[in-house]
């Protein structure tokens, strides 16, 4: 009598897969907008944190790196409360505590946002250049207006003493109208 149980399990899996595929585009867009909004509104999300997400049907996967463990749990909690979200897979990495990394973060911030060409990115609450430091290795995440700004940020980050490596993942946004 294992066959009927197996058939029912396969049918349930097929139905749930079909349900994910049938999520209305408007619902998925609304969930995505609300997740983005809630993450940006986190009070302790700063320039040294990088939180992003993927929406698959009614499931949300959180990814990125944060400097505080509470920020990881806060992100999960606000996303769980969004209407329509059924499951949150929190894959956010909490960066290790390190006085050396903290020193590098401040030096990198001053080097990047202190450059006259990049000061425009320091305006506003959410700076678009994220500075992620893990064990002396730096990753630049976010968006800039042009390739020149991306290169300047990379040069400035590489010029900070004590930095082991710089991975420049900045994306250039095409602002042509």
Protein backbone atom coordinates (compact mmCIF):
# COMPACT_ATOMS: atom_id res chain seq x y z
CA UNK A 1 0.00 0.00 0.00
CA UNK A 2 2.99 2.32 -0.42
CA UNK A 3 1.97 3.23 -3.95
CA UNK A 4 -1.07 5.40 -3.03
CA UNK A 5 0.95 7.29 -0.41
CA UNK A 6 3.72 7.92 -2.94
CA UNK A 7 1.15 9.04 -5.51
CA UNK A 8 -0.42 11.48 -3.02
CA UNK A 9 2.99 12.90 -2.07
CA UNK A 10 3.93 13.38 -5.74
CA UNK A 11 0.56 15.01 -6.42
CA UNK A 12 1.03 17.42 -3.49
CA UNK A 13 4.51 18.33 -4.73
CA UNK A 14 3.19 18.88 -8.24
CA UNK A 15 0.34 21.04 -6.96
CA UNK A 16 2.62 23.14 -4.76
CA UNK A 17 5.05 23.61 -7.68
CA UNK A 18 2.13 24.65 -9.86
CA UNK A 19 0.96 27.08 -7.19
CA UNK A 20 4.38 28.76 -7.12
CA UNK A 21 4.34 29.02 -10.90
CA UNK A 22 0.85 30.56 -10.77
CA UNK A 23 1.71 33.42 -8.41
CA UNK A 24 0.24 36.46 -10.12
CA UNK A 25 2.90 38.84 -11.41
CA UNK A 26 1.24 41.72 -9.56
CA UNK A 27 1.48 39.84 -6.25
CA UNK A 28 5.13 39.02 -6.80
CA UNK A 29 5.87 42.65 -7.69
CA UNK A 30 4.00 43.88 -4.61
CA UNK A 31 5.85 41.46 -2.32
CA UNK A 32 9.17 42.46 -3.88
CA UNK A 33 8.41 46.18 -3.42
CA UNK A 34 7.36 45.68 0.18
CA UNK A 35 10.41 43.55 1.01
CA UNK A 36 12.69 46.22 -0.46
CA UNK A 37 10.89 48.97 1.48
CA UNK A 38 11.00 47.09 4.78
CA UNK A 39 14.69 46.27 4.42
CA UNK A 40 15.59 49.87 3.59
CA UNK A 41 13.64 51.04 6.66
CA UNK A 42 15.67 48.91 9.08
CA UNK A 43 16.98 51.45 11.59
CA UNK A 44 20.48 50.02 11.96
CA UNK A 45 21.15 49.17 8.32
CA UNK A 46 24.27 51.10 7.43
CA UNK A 47 26.92 51.59 4.82
CA UNK A 48 28.87 48.61 6.21
CA UNK A 49 25.93 46.22 5.70
CA UNK A 50 24.72 44.67 2.48
CA UNK A 51 21.28 43.07 2.52
CA UNK A 52 19.51 41.88 -0.59
CA UNK A 53 16.77 39.39 -1.38
CA UNK A 54 15.22 37.07 -3.93
CA UNK A 55 11.49 36.50 -4.26
CA UNK A 56 10.30 33.15 -5.59
CA UNK A 57 6.54 32.98 -5.47
CA UNK A 58 5.59 33.60 -1.85
CA UNK A 59 9.05 32.66 -0.56
CA UNK A 60 11.77 35.22 0.18
CA UNK A 61 15.48 34.47 0.48
CA UNK A 62 17.56 37.05 2.33
CA UNK A 63 21.25 37.26 1.41
CA UNK A 64 24.16 39.53 2.19
CA UNK A 65 26.41 40.49 5.07
CA UNK A 66 25.78 42.50 8.24
CA UNK A 67 27.96 43.70 11.10
CA UNK A 68 25.35 43.07 13.83
CA UNK A 69 23.54 39.78 14.58
CA UNK A 70 20.40 41.73 15.54
CA UNK A 71 20.22 43.18 12.03
CA UNK A 72 20.03 39.67 10.58
CA UNK A 73 17.10 38.74 12.82
CA UNK A 74 15.43 42.16 12.36
CA UNK A 75 15.51 41.71 8.58
CA UNK A 76 13.90 38.29 8.84
CA UNK A 77 11.23 39.51 11.26
CA UNK A 78 10.09 42.47 9.12
CA UNK A 79 9.93 40.33 5.98
CA UNK A 80 7.94 37.58 7.74
CA UNK A 81 5.21 40.12 8.58
CA UNK A 82 4.62 41.12 4.95
CA UNK A 83 1.26 39.95 3.70
CA UNK A 84 1.71 37.14 1.19
CA UNK A 85 5.13 35.99 2.39
CA UNK A 86 4.88 32.34 3.40
CA UNK A 87 8.52 31.46 4.08
CA UNK A 88 11.74 33.40 4.73
CA UNK A 89 15.11 31.71 4.15
CA UNK A 90 17.59 33.91 6.02
CA UNK A 91 21.05 33.36 4.53
CA UNK A 92 22.49 36.68 5.74
CA UNK A 93 26.04 36.29 7.02
CA UNK A 94 27.01 38.02 10.26
CA UNK A 95 30.53 39.36 9.79
CA UNK A 96 33.06 38.43 12.46
CA UNK A 97 33.81 40.96 15.21
CA UNK A 98 37.25 42.44 14.63
CA UNK A 99 38.82 45.69 15.84
CA UNK A 100 41.03 45.63 12.73
CA UNK A 101 37.99 45.35 10.43
CA UNK A 102 36.28 48.18 12.34
CA UNK A 103 39.37 50.37 11.83
CA UNK A 104 39.41 49.48 8.12
CA UNK A 105 35.71 50.29 7.78
CA UNK A 106 36.25 53.83 9.06
CA UNK A 107 39.34 54.36 6.92
CA UNK A 108 37.56 53.01 3.84
CA UNK A 109 34.52 55.20 4.48
CA UNK A 110 36.75 58.29 4.72
CA UNK A 111 38.77 57.28 1.66
CA UNK A 112 35.74 56.61 -0.54
CA UNK A 113 33.16 59.14 0.63
CA UNK A 114 35.83 61.79 1.30
CA UNK A 115 36.89 61.85 -2.35
CA UNK A 116 35.39 64.94 -4.09
CA UNK A 117 34.28 62.85 -7.08
CA UNK A 118 32.39 60.42 -4.82
CA UNK A 119 30.94 62.82 -2.22
CA UNK A 120 27.64 62.93 -4.10
CA UNK A 121 27.08 59.31 -3.01
CA UNK A 122 27.32 60.30 0.68
CA UNK A 123 24.14 62.38 0.42
CA UNK A 124 20.91 60.91 1.69
CA UNK A 125 20.20 58.23 4.22
CA UNK A 126 21.07 55.19 2.11
CA UNK A 127 24.54 55.56 0.66
CA UNK A 128 24.65 53.52 -2.54
CA UNK A 129 28.23 52.31 -2.08
CA UNK A 130 28.31 49.53 0.52
CA UNK A 131 31.65 48.76 2.16
CA UNK A 132 31.85 45.15 3.35
CA UNK A 133 34.97 44.18 5.33
CA UNK A 134 35.66 40.61 6.39
CA UNK A 135 39.04 39.72 7.86
CA UNK A 136 40.77 42.56 6.01
CA UNK A 137 39.19 41.68 2.66
CA UNK A 138 36.92 44.35 1.18
CA UNK A 139 33.94 44.04 -1.13
CA UNK A 140 32.34 47.14 -2.63
CA UNK A 141 28.64 46.60 -3.38
CA UNK A 142 25.97 48.93 -4.70
CA UNK A 143 25.53 51.32 -7.58
CA UNK A 144 27.37 54.26 -9.11
CA UNK A 145 26.57 56.57 -12.01
CA UNK A 146 29.49 55.73 -14.27
CA UNK A 147 32.55 53.57 -14.82
CA UNK A 148 34.85 56.39 -13.67
CA UNK A 149 33.20 56.51 -10.23
CA UNK A 150 33.47 52.74 -9.97
CA UNK A 151 37.19 52.92 -10.74
CA UNK A 152 37.79 55.80 -8.31
CA UNK A 153 36.09 53.87 -5.49
CA UNK A 154 38.25 50.85 -6.30
CA UNK A 155 41.47 52.90 -6.31
CA UNK A 156 40.55 54.65 -3.05
CA UNK A 157 39.73 51.34 -1.34
CA UNK A 158 42.97 49.75 -2.55
CA UNK A 159 44.88 52.73 -1.15
CA UNK A 160 43.81 52.10 2.46
CA UNK A 161 46.67 50.60 4.50
CA UNK A 162 45.93 47.16 5.92
CA UNK A 163 43.46 46.10 3.23
CA UNK A 164 44.36 42.63 1.92
CA UNK A 165 42.15 42.64 -1.17
CA UNK A 166 39.35 44.61 -2.81
CA UNK A 167 36.55 43.02 -4.81
CA UNK A 168 34.70 45.70 -6.74
CA UNK A 169 31.10 44.55 -7.31
CA UNK A 170 29.76 48.06 -7.90
CA UNK A 171 27.18 48.20 -10.68
CA UNK A 172 27.04 51.12 -13.13
CA UNK A 173 23.52 52.47 -13.54
CA UNK A 174 22.74 53.76 -16.99
CA UNK A 175 21.09 57.14 -16.36
CA UNK A 176 20.54 58.07 -20.01
CA UNK A 177 17.08 59.47 -20.59
